[in-house]
Protein backbone atom coordinates (compact mmCIF):
# COMPACT_ATOMS: atom_id res chain seq x y z
CA MET A 1 -46.34 -30.15 -120.23
CA SER A 2 -49.15 -29.62 -117.81
CA ASN A 3 -48.24 -26.09 -116.78
CA ASN A 4 -46.62 -23.13 -118.45
CA ARG A 5 -43.67 -22.87 -116.04
CA THR A 6 -40.40 -22.21 -117.80
CA PHE A 7 -36.89 -22.24 -116.38
CA SER A 8 -33.84 -20.14 -117.05
CA VAL A 9 -30.41 -21.69 -117.32
CA SER A 10 -29.45 -20.14 -113.98
CA GLU A 11 -32.55 -21.61 -112.29
CA VAL A 12 -31.70 -25.11 -113.52
CA ASN A 13 -28.05 -24.63 -112.56
CA ALA A 14 -29.18 -23.72 -109.04
CA LEU A 15 -31.00 -27.09 -108.90
CA VAL A 16 -28.02 -29.16 -110.09
CA PRO A 17 -26.70 -29.95 -106.56
CA ARG A 18 -30.14 -31.30 -105.57
CA LEU A 19 -30.44 -33.23 -108.83
CA GLU A 20 -26.96 -34.69 -108.34
CA ALA A 21 -27.82 -35.77 -104.79
CA ALA A 22 -31.09 -37.34 -105.96
CA PHE A 23 -29.34 -39.32 -108.69
CA ARG A 24 -26.55 -40.47 -106.37
CA ARG A 25 -29.21 -41.73 -103.95
CA MET A 26 -31.16 -43.40 -106.77
CA ILE A 27 -28.02 -45.22 -107.91
CA GLU A 28 -27.47 -46.52 -104.35
CA LEU A 29 -31.13 -47.51 -104.02
CA ARG A 30 -31.21 -49.31 -107.35
CA ARG A 31 -28.13 -51.33 -106.38
CA GLU A 32 -29.67 -52.24 -103.04
CA ILE A 33 -33.03 -53.09 -104.62
CA GLY A 34 -31.27 -55.46 -107.02
CA ALA A 35 -29.26 -57.06 -104.22
CA ARG A 36 -32.34 -57.52 -102.00
CA ALA A 37 -34.37 -58.99 -104.86
CA ASN A 38 -31.51 -61.42 -105.59
CA GLU A 39 -31.34 -62.45 -101.91
CA ILE A 40 -35.05 -63.24 -101.88
CA GLU A 41 -34.80 -65.21 -105.11
CA ARG A 42 -31.76 -67.16 -103.82
CA LEU A 43 -33.90 -68.15 -100.84
CA GLY A 44 -36.37 -69.65 -103.32
CA PHE A 45 -39.06 -66.96 -103.25
CA GLY A 46 -40.35 -64.50 -105.81
CA THR A 47 -39.56 -60.83 -105.42
CA PHE A 48 -43.20 -59.82 -105.02
CA GLY A 49 -44.43 -62.63 -102.80
CA GLN A 50 -46.46 -65.70 -103.61
CA GLY A 51 -49.39 -65.26 -101.26
CA GLY A 52 -48.47 -68.05 -98.87
CA PRO A 53 -46.58 -68.03 -95.58
CA GLU A 54 -42.92 -67.10 -95.85
CA PRO A 55 -40.01 -67.54 -93.47
CA ARG A 56 -39.26 -64.54 -91.28
CA GLU A 57 -35.97 -63.81 -93.08
CA VAL A 58 -37.82 -63.53 -96.41
CA VAL A 59 -40.51 -61.29 -94.90
CA GLU A 60 -37.83 -59.03 -93.40
CA ARG A 61 -35.90 -58.81 -96.66
CA ARG A 62 -39.11 -58.09 -98.57
CA GLN A 63 -40.00 -55.27 -96.16
CA ILE A 64 -36.57 -53.72 -96.65
CA LEU A 65 -36.94 -54.12 -100.43
CA GLU A 66 -40.34 -52.42 -100.39
CA GLY A 67 -38.93 -49.58 -98.29
CA ARG A 68 -36.10 -49.01 -100.77
CA VAL A 69 -38.53 -49.06 -103.72
CA SER A 70 -40.62 -46.44 -101.90
CA GLU A 71 -37.49 -44.33 -101.32
CA LEU A 72 -36.61 -44.59 -105.01
CA GLU A 73 -40.10 -43.42 -105.93
CA ASP A 74 -39.66 -40.48 -103.53
CA GLN A 75 -36.45 -39.44 -105.32
CA VAL A 76 -38.17 -39.65 -108.72
CA ASN A 77 -41.06 -37.56 -107.34
CA LEU A 78 -38.59 -35.00 -105.97
CA ILE A 79 -37.30 -34.34 -109.47
CA GLY A 80 -40.86 -33.65 -110.58
CA GLU A 81 -41.45 -31.40 -107.60
CA LEU A 82 -38.38 -29.40 -108.61
CA GLY A 83 -40.01 -28.90 -112.02
CA GLY A 84 -37.94 -31.41 -113.95
CA ILE A 85 -39.14 -34.17 -116.21
CA LEU A 86 -37.16 -37.38 -115.68
CA THR A 87 -36.74 -38.70 -119.22
CA ASP A 88 -34.24 -41.51 -118.67
CA LEU A 89 -33.30 -42.91 -115.28
CA ASP A 90 -30.46 -45.06 -116.64
CA LEU A 91 -28.80 -42.15 -118.47
CA GLY A 92 -29.70 -39.65 -115.74
CA LEU A 93 -31.57 -37.27 -118.06
CA VAL A 94 -33.83 -34.51 -116.81
CA ASP A 95 -35.57 -31.92 -119.00
CA PHE A 96 -36.81 -28.49 -117.93
CA PRO A 97 -39.21 -26.52 -120.11
CA THR A 98 -38.01 -23.16 -121.37
CA GLU A 99 -38.28 -20.82 -124.30
CA ILE A 100 -35.34 -19.90 -126.49
CA ASP A 101 -35.73 -17.35 -129.28
CA GLY A 102 -39.51 -17.67 -129.05
CA GLU A 103 -39.49 -21.48 -129.35
CA ARG A 104 -40.65 -23.82 -126.57
CA VAL A 105 -37.79 -26.26 -125.90
CA PHE A 106 -36.32 -28.30 -123.08
CA LEU A 107 -33.14 -27.49 -121.21
CA CYS A 108 -31.53 -30.94 -121.01
CA TRP A 109 -29.34 -31.82 -118.02
CA GLN A 110 -27.55 -35.13 -117.60
CA PHE A 111 -26.30 -36.60 -114.34
CA GLY A 112 -22.60 -35.79 -114.05
CA GLU A 113 -22.81 -32.45 -115.85
CA ALA A 114 -21.77 -29.54 -113.61
CA THR A 115 -24.25 -27.21 -115.32
CA VAL A 116 -27.02 -27.37 -117.87
CA SER A 117 -25.30 -26.76 -121.21
CA HIS A 118 -27.70 -28.23 -123.77
CA TYR A 119 -31.27 -27.95 -124.96
CA HIS A 120 -33.44 -29.76 -127.50
CA ALA A 121 -36.74 -29.34 -129.30
CA LEU A 122 -39.80 -30.70 -127.50
CA ASP A 123 -39.96 -33.71 -129.83
CA ALA A 124 -36.22 -34.22 -130.41
CA GLY A 125 -35.04 -35.92 -127.22
CA PHE A 126 -31.46 -36.53 -126.16
CA ALA A 127 -30.26 -37.26 -129.71
CA GLY A 128 -31.31 -33.74 -130.73
CA ARG A 129 -29.36 -31.94 -128.00
CA ARG A 130 -27.73 -28.68 -129.04
CA ALA A 131 -25.22 -26.66 -127.05
CA ILE A 132 -26.46 -23.46 -125.43
CA ARG A 133 -24.47 -20.61 -126.99
CA GLY A 134 -24.49 -16.86 -127.36
CA SER A 135 -27.99 -15.43 -127.17
CA HIS A 136 -29.24 -18.82 -125.99
CA ALA A 137 -27.27 -18.58 -122.77
CA VAL A 138 -30.16 -16.87 -120.97
CA PRO A 139 -33.48 -18.09 -122.33
CA THR A 140 -36.35 -15.66 -122.20
CA LYS A 141 -38.88 -16.33 -119.47
CA HIS A 142 -42.65 -16.00 -119.70
């Protein structure tokens, strides 16, 4: 973690609507990126261009593809700007640094969850998720 910013459960919960919207948009963009790449390949061209002249329809599809990739990157960057660490795009996992009972941990939110309800040790990852309970419900902030 590059900075010492920590988040409370309520702060992450306040971000959930924006995170949800970002992931919904990323799902749409990933589908469209795949479809556009397939269109270009069906026309007999590589997804990233081959350096030679291409028919106008391929150039247009490639421009749209590049625009969608840029939009996807913007959504990923938005999560970082909100303070989250995107740990798995496919699973929709975002971690937020916090401190619980004096220990630095990550609040772990997954796309589809209405609120952040789990955390894990810095080195544990998704498999080490533990439910937030009792005194853990409001992590201390520093």
